[in-house]
């Protein structure tokens, strides 16, 4: 059976709500059904970081759930999805997901993705990292999840924060075979052009 064009999105309490908002906007443009759950800490962070009220962020999703609604559709493996993105993902949520100690709908939905062997991508937001963080990331990876820190790609020559966010969101969606045209993709031609501008002649490899 082909999975429906349906993604679960979790927003936890780490910094970086802008990534989740942009994901919801782009997924709507791509006609992907979105199921959103925001932790209480995520709502608090959104108040500080986003120009949108939490209710407006929820309105961007096809369906939104309370974080304590453990009877929601996304808490069951029988509810078929393409997988789940947690963006941003706090170390608390990551640790719960890593070790199966799910205390709310967000971490339960992520656990469902792991047990059903669906794609789970965690946009981990913390620095510096201690050994406990790294071990939790390793556990998630061993269970089949993907750790995806929002690392800027400066080769794309971003001119604004929006450019950085879009590139990261585009690369994240690549993991679900979704292309929104956000990524300035590397071809190698950039290096050749830069060398040409600098007057550098490529070596032929001959002595």
Protein backbone atom coordinates (compact mmCIF):
# COMPACT_ATOMS: atom_id res chain seq x y z
CA UNK A 1 0.00 0.00 0.00
CA UNK A 2 1.20 3.47 -0.85
CA UNK A 3 1.26 5.83 2.12
CA UNK A 4 -1.10 8.82 1.84
CA UNK A 5 0.36 12.31 1.42
CA UNK A 6 0.07 12.89 5.13
CA UNK A 7 2.75 14.07 7.57
CA UNK A 8 2.77 14.50 11.34
CA UNK A 9 4.55 17.60 12.63
CA UNK A 10 5.59 18.09 16.24
CA UNK A 11 6.75 21.37 17.77
CA UNK A 12 8.59 21.02 21.07
CA UNK A 13 10.05 23.68 23.36
CA UNK A 14 13.43 24.26 21.72
CA UNK A 15 14.22 27.45 19.84
CA UNK A 16 13.34 27.41 16.15
CA UNK A 17 9.56 27.64 15.75
CA UNK A 18 10.22 29.49 12.47
CA UNK A 19 11.16 26.16 10.88
CA UNK A 20 7.84 24.57 11.85
CA UNK A 21 5.82 27.52 10.57
CA UNK A 22 7.64 27.43 7.24
CA UNK A 23 7.15 23.66 7.00
CA UNK A 24 3.41 24.06 7.52
CA UNK A 25 3.25 26.75 4.84
CA UNK A 26 5.20 24.72 2.29
CA UNK A 27 3.38 21.46 3.00
CA UNK A 28 0.09 23.24 2.43
CA UNK A 29 1.40 24.46 -0.94
CA UNK A 30 2.42 20.89 -1.78
CA UNK A 31 -1.07 19.62 -0.87
CA UNK A 32 0.32 17.42 1.90
CA UNK A 33 -2.10 16.80 4.76
CA UNK A 34 -0.52 17.91 8.06
CA UNK A 35 -1.29 16.72 11.59
CA UNK A 36 0.16 19.06 14.20
CA UNK A 37 0.90 18.62 17.89
CA UNK A 38 2.62 21.29 19.99
CA UNK A 39 4.03 20.67 23.45
CA UNK A 40 3.29 23.12 26.24
CA UNK A 41 6.90 24.32 26.16
CA UNK A 42 6.56 24.66 22.38
CA UNK A 43 3.61 27.00 22.84
CA UNK A 44 5.64 29.08 25.31
CA UNK A 45 8.57 29.34 22.90
CA UNK A 46 6.24 30.27 20.02
CA UNK A 47 4.94 33.23 22.03
CA UNK A 48 8.50 34.57 22.28
CA UNK A 49 9.75 33.73 18.79
CA UNK A 50 6.86 33.90 16.33
CA UNK A 51 4.89 36.88 15.07
CA UNK A 52 1.97 34.46 14.70
CA UNK A 53 -0.22 33.61 17.70
CA UNK A 54 -0.27 29.91 18.55
CA UNK A 55 -3.85 29.62 17.27
CA UNK A 56 -2.72 30.89 13.86
CA UNK A 57 0.15 28.39 13.77
CA UNK A 58 -2.35 25.63 14.52
CA UNK A 59 -4.60 26.96 11.76
CA UNK A 60 -1.87 26.32 9.19
CA UNK A 61 -2.23 22.56 9.77
CA UNK A 62 -4.92 20.31 8.32
CA UNK A 63 -5.54 18.94 11.82
CA UNK A 64 -4.23 20.02 15.22
CA UNK A 65 -4.24 18.08 18.50
CA UNK A 66 -3.81 18.88 22.17
CA UNK A 67 -0.55 17.51 23.52
CA UNK A 68 -2.36 15.44 26.17
CA UNK A 69 -4.78 13.86 23.66
CA UNK A 70 -3.18 10.41 23.70
CA UNK A 71 -6.30 8.97 22.08
CA UNK A 72 -5.75 11.01 18.90
CA UNK A 73 -5.41 9.35 15.50
CA UNK A 74 -1.65 9.95 15.33
CA UNK A 75 -1.16 7.91 18.53
CA UNK A 76 -2.04 4.73 16.60
CA UNK A 77 0.06 2.82 14.12
CA UNK A 78 -3.10 2.01 12.14
CA UNK A 79 -3.32 5.68 11.14
CA UNK A 80 -1.13 5.67 8.05
CA UNK A 81 1.27 8.54 7.38
CA UNK A 82 4.48 9.25 5.48
CA UNK A 83 6.16 9.79 8.83
CA UNK A 84 6.83 12.60 11.26
CA UNK A 85 9.01 15.68 11.69
CA UNK A 86 9.72 17.23 15.08
CA UNK A 87 10.91 20.77 14.41
CA UNK A 88 12.35 22.02 16.59
CA UNK A 89 13.13 19.04 18.80
CA UNK A 90 14.22 19.71 22.38
CA UNK A 91 16.60 17.39 24.18
CA UNK A 92 13.77 16.42 26.56
CA UNK A 93 11.55 15.26 23.71
CA UNK A 94 14.49 13.59 21.98
CA UNK A 95 15.35 11.64 25.12
CA UNK A 96 11.75 10.46 25.57
CA UNK A 97 11.64 9.32 21.93
CA UNK A 98 15.06 7.67 22.16
CA UNK A 99 14.17 5.48 25.12
CA UNK A 100 10.44 4.94 24.57
CA UNK A 101 9.42 6.89 27.67
CA UNK A 102 6.59 8.74 25.95
CA UNK A 103 4.69 11.12 28.24
CA UNK A 104 2.52 13.00 25.74
CA UNK A 105 1.04 12.84 22.24
CA UNK A 106 4.10 14.36 20.56
CA UNK A 107 6.53 11.74 21.79
CA UNK A 108 3.95 8.95 21.42
CA UNK A 109 3.40 9.88 17.75
CA UNK A 110 7.16 9.78 17.20
CA UNK A 111 7.34 6.39 18.92
CA UNK A 112 4.62 5.14 16.56
CA UNK A 113 6.76 6.13 13.57
CA UNK A 114 9.70 4.16 14.92
CA UNK A 115 7.69 1.04 15.69
CA UNK A 116 5.92 1.15 12.31
CA UNK A 117 9.27 1.73 10.54
CA UNK A 118 8.17 5.08 9.16
CA UNK A 119 10.49 8.00 8.61
CA UNK A 120 11.09 10.08 11.72
CA UNK A 121 13.18 13.24 11.48
CA UNK A 122 14.17 15.19 14.60
CA UNK A 123 15.46 18.72 14.15
CA UNK A 124 17.56 18.67 17.31
CA UNK A 125 18.25 22.14 18.72
CA UNK A 126 20.86 22.37 21.45
CA UNK A 127 24.48 23.37 21.83
CA UNK A 128 26.90 22.43 23.21
CA UNK A 129 26.01 18.77 23.58
CA UNK A 130 26.90 16.57 26.53
CA UNK A 131 27.35 12.80 26.45
CA UNK A 132 23.73 12.12 27.44
CA UNK A 133 22.51 14.12 24.43
CA UNK A 134 24.82 12.24 22.10
CA UNK A 135 23.77 8.86 23.47
CA UNK A 136 20.11 9.74 23.01
CA UNK A 137 20.83 10.77 19.40
CA UNK A 138 22.65 7.49 18.85
CA UNK A 139 19.69 5.55 20.28
CA UNK A 140 17.27 7.34 17.94
CA UNK A 141 19.51 6.63 14.96
CA UNK A 142 19.85 2.96 15.89
CA UNK A 143 16.05 2.75 16.14
CA UNK A 144 15.72 4.10 12.59
CA UNK A 145 15.20 7.82 13.18
CA UNK A 146 17.17 10.66 11.60
CA UNK A 147 18.83 13.45 13.56
CA UNK A 148 18.68 16.63 11.49
CA UNK A 149 20.19 19.73 13.14
CA UNK A 150 19.33 22.96 11.30
CA UNK A 151 22.84 23.61 9.96
CA UNK A 152 23.10 26.53 7.48
CA UNK A 153 24.58 25.85 4.04
CA UNK A 154 26.66 28.93 3.34
CA UNK A 155 27.70 27.68 -0.10
CA UNK A 156 24.17 28.68 -1.15
CA UNK A 157 25.14 32.32 -0.43
CA UNK A 158 22.07 33.14 1.71
CA UNK A 159 21.11 36.81 1.78
CA UNK A 160 18.63 36.63 4.63
CA UNK A 161 17.40 34.52 7.53
CA UNK A 162 14.50 33.48 5.30
CA UNK A 163 16.99 32.06 2.78
CA UNK A 164 18.67 30.01 5.51
CA UNK A 165 15.34 28.71 6.81
CA UNK A 166 14.08 27.83 3.33
CA UNK A 167 17.23 25.89 2.42
CA UNK A 168 17.06 23.89 5.65
CA UNK A 169 13.34 23.18 5.22
CA UNK A 170 13.93 22.13 1.63
CA UNK A 171 16.69 19.71 2.60
CA UNK A 172 14.49 18.29 5.35
CA UNK A 173 11.63 17.69 2.90
CA UNK A 174 14.08 15.93 0.58
CA UNK A 175 14.06 13.12 3.14
CA UNK A 176 10.38 12.56 2.30
CA UNK A 177 10.91 12.89 -1.47
CA UNK A 178 9.13 16.26 -1.45
CA UNK A 179 10.64 19.05 -3.55
CA UNK A 180 9.31 22.55 -2.97
CA UNK A 181 12.01 24.24 -5.05
CA UNK A 182 13.60 25.78 -1.96
CA UNK A 183 17.08 24.29 -2.27
CA UNK A 184 19.96 25.91 -4.13
CA UNK A 185 21.42 22.54 -5.10
CA UNK A 186 25.14 21.99 -5.36
CA UNK A 187 26.34 21.00 -8.83
CA UNK A 188 30.09 21.52 -8.63
CA UNK A 189 29.87 24.13 -11.37
CA UNK A 190 30.04 26.82 -8.70
CA UNK A 191 33.64 25.86 -7.93
CA UNK A 192 34.64 25.99 -11.59
CA UNK A 193 33.05 29.41 -11.98
CA UNK A 194 34.72 30.70 -8.83
CA UNK A 195 38.10 29.46 -10.06
CA UNK A 196 37.49 31.12 -13.41
CA UNK A 197 36.72 34.42 -11.71
CA UNK A 198 39.90 34.14 -9.64
CA UNK A 199 42.01 33.19 -12.63
CA UNK A 200 42.86 29.74 -11.26
CA UNK A 201 43.64 27.13 -13.91
CA UNK A 202 42.54 23.60 -13.03
CA UNK A 203 45.34 21.05 -12.89
CA UNK A 204 45.37 18.40 -15.64
CA UNK A 205 47.10 15.93 -13.34
CA UNK A 206 50.09 15.65 -15.69
CA UNK A 207 53.67 15.99 -14.48
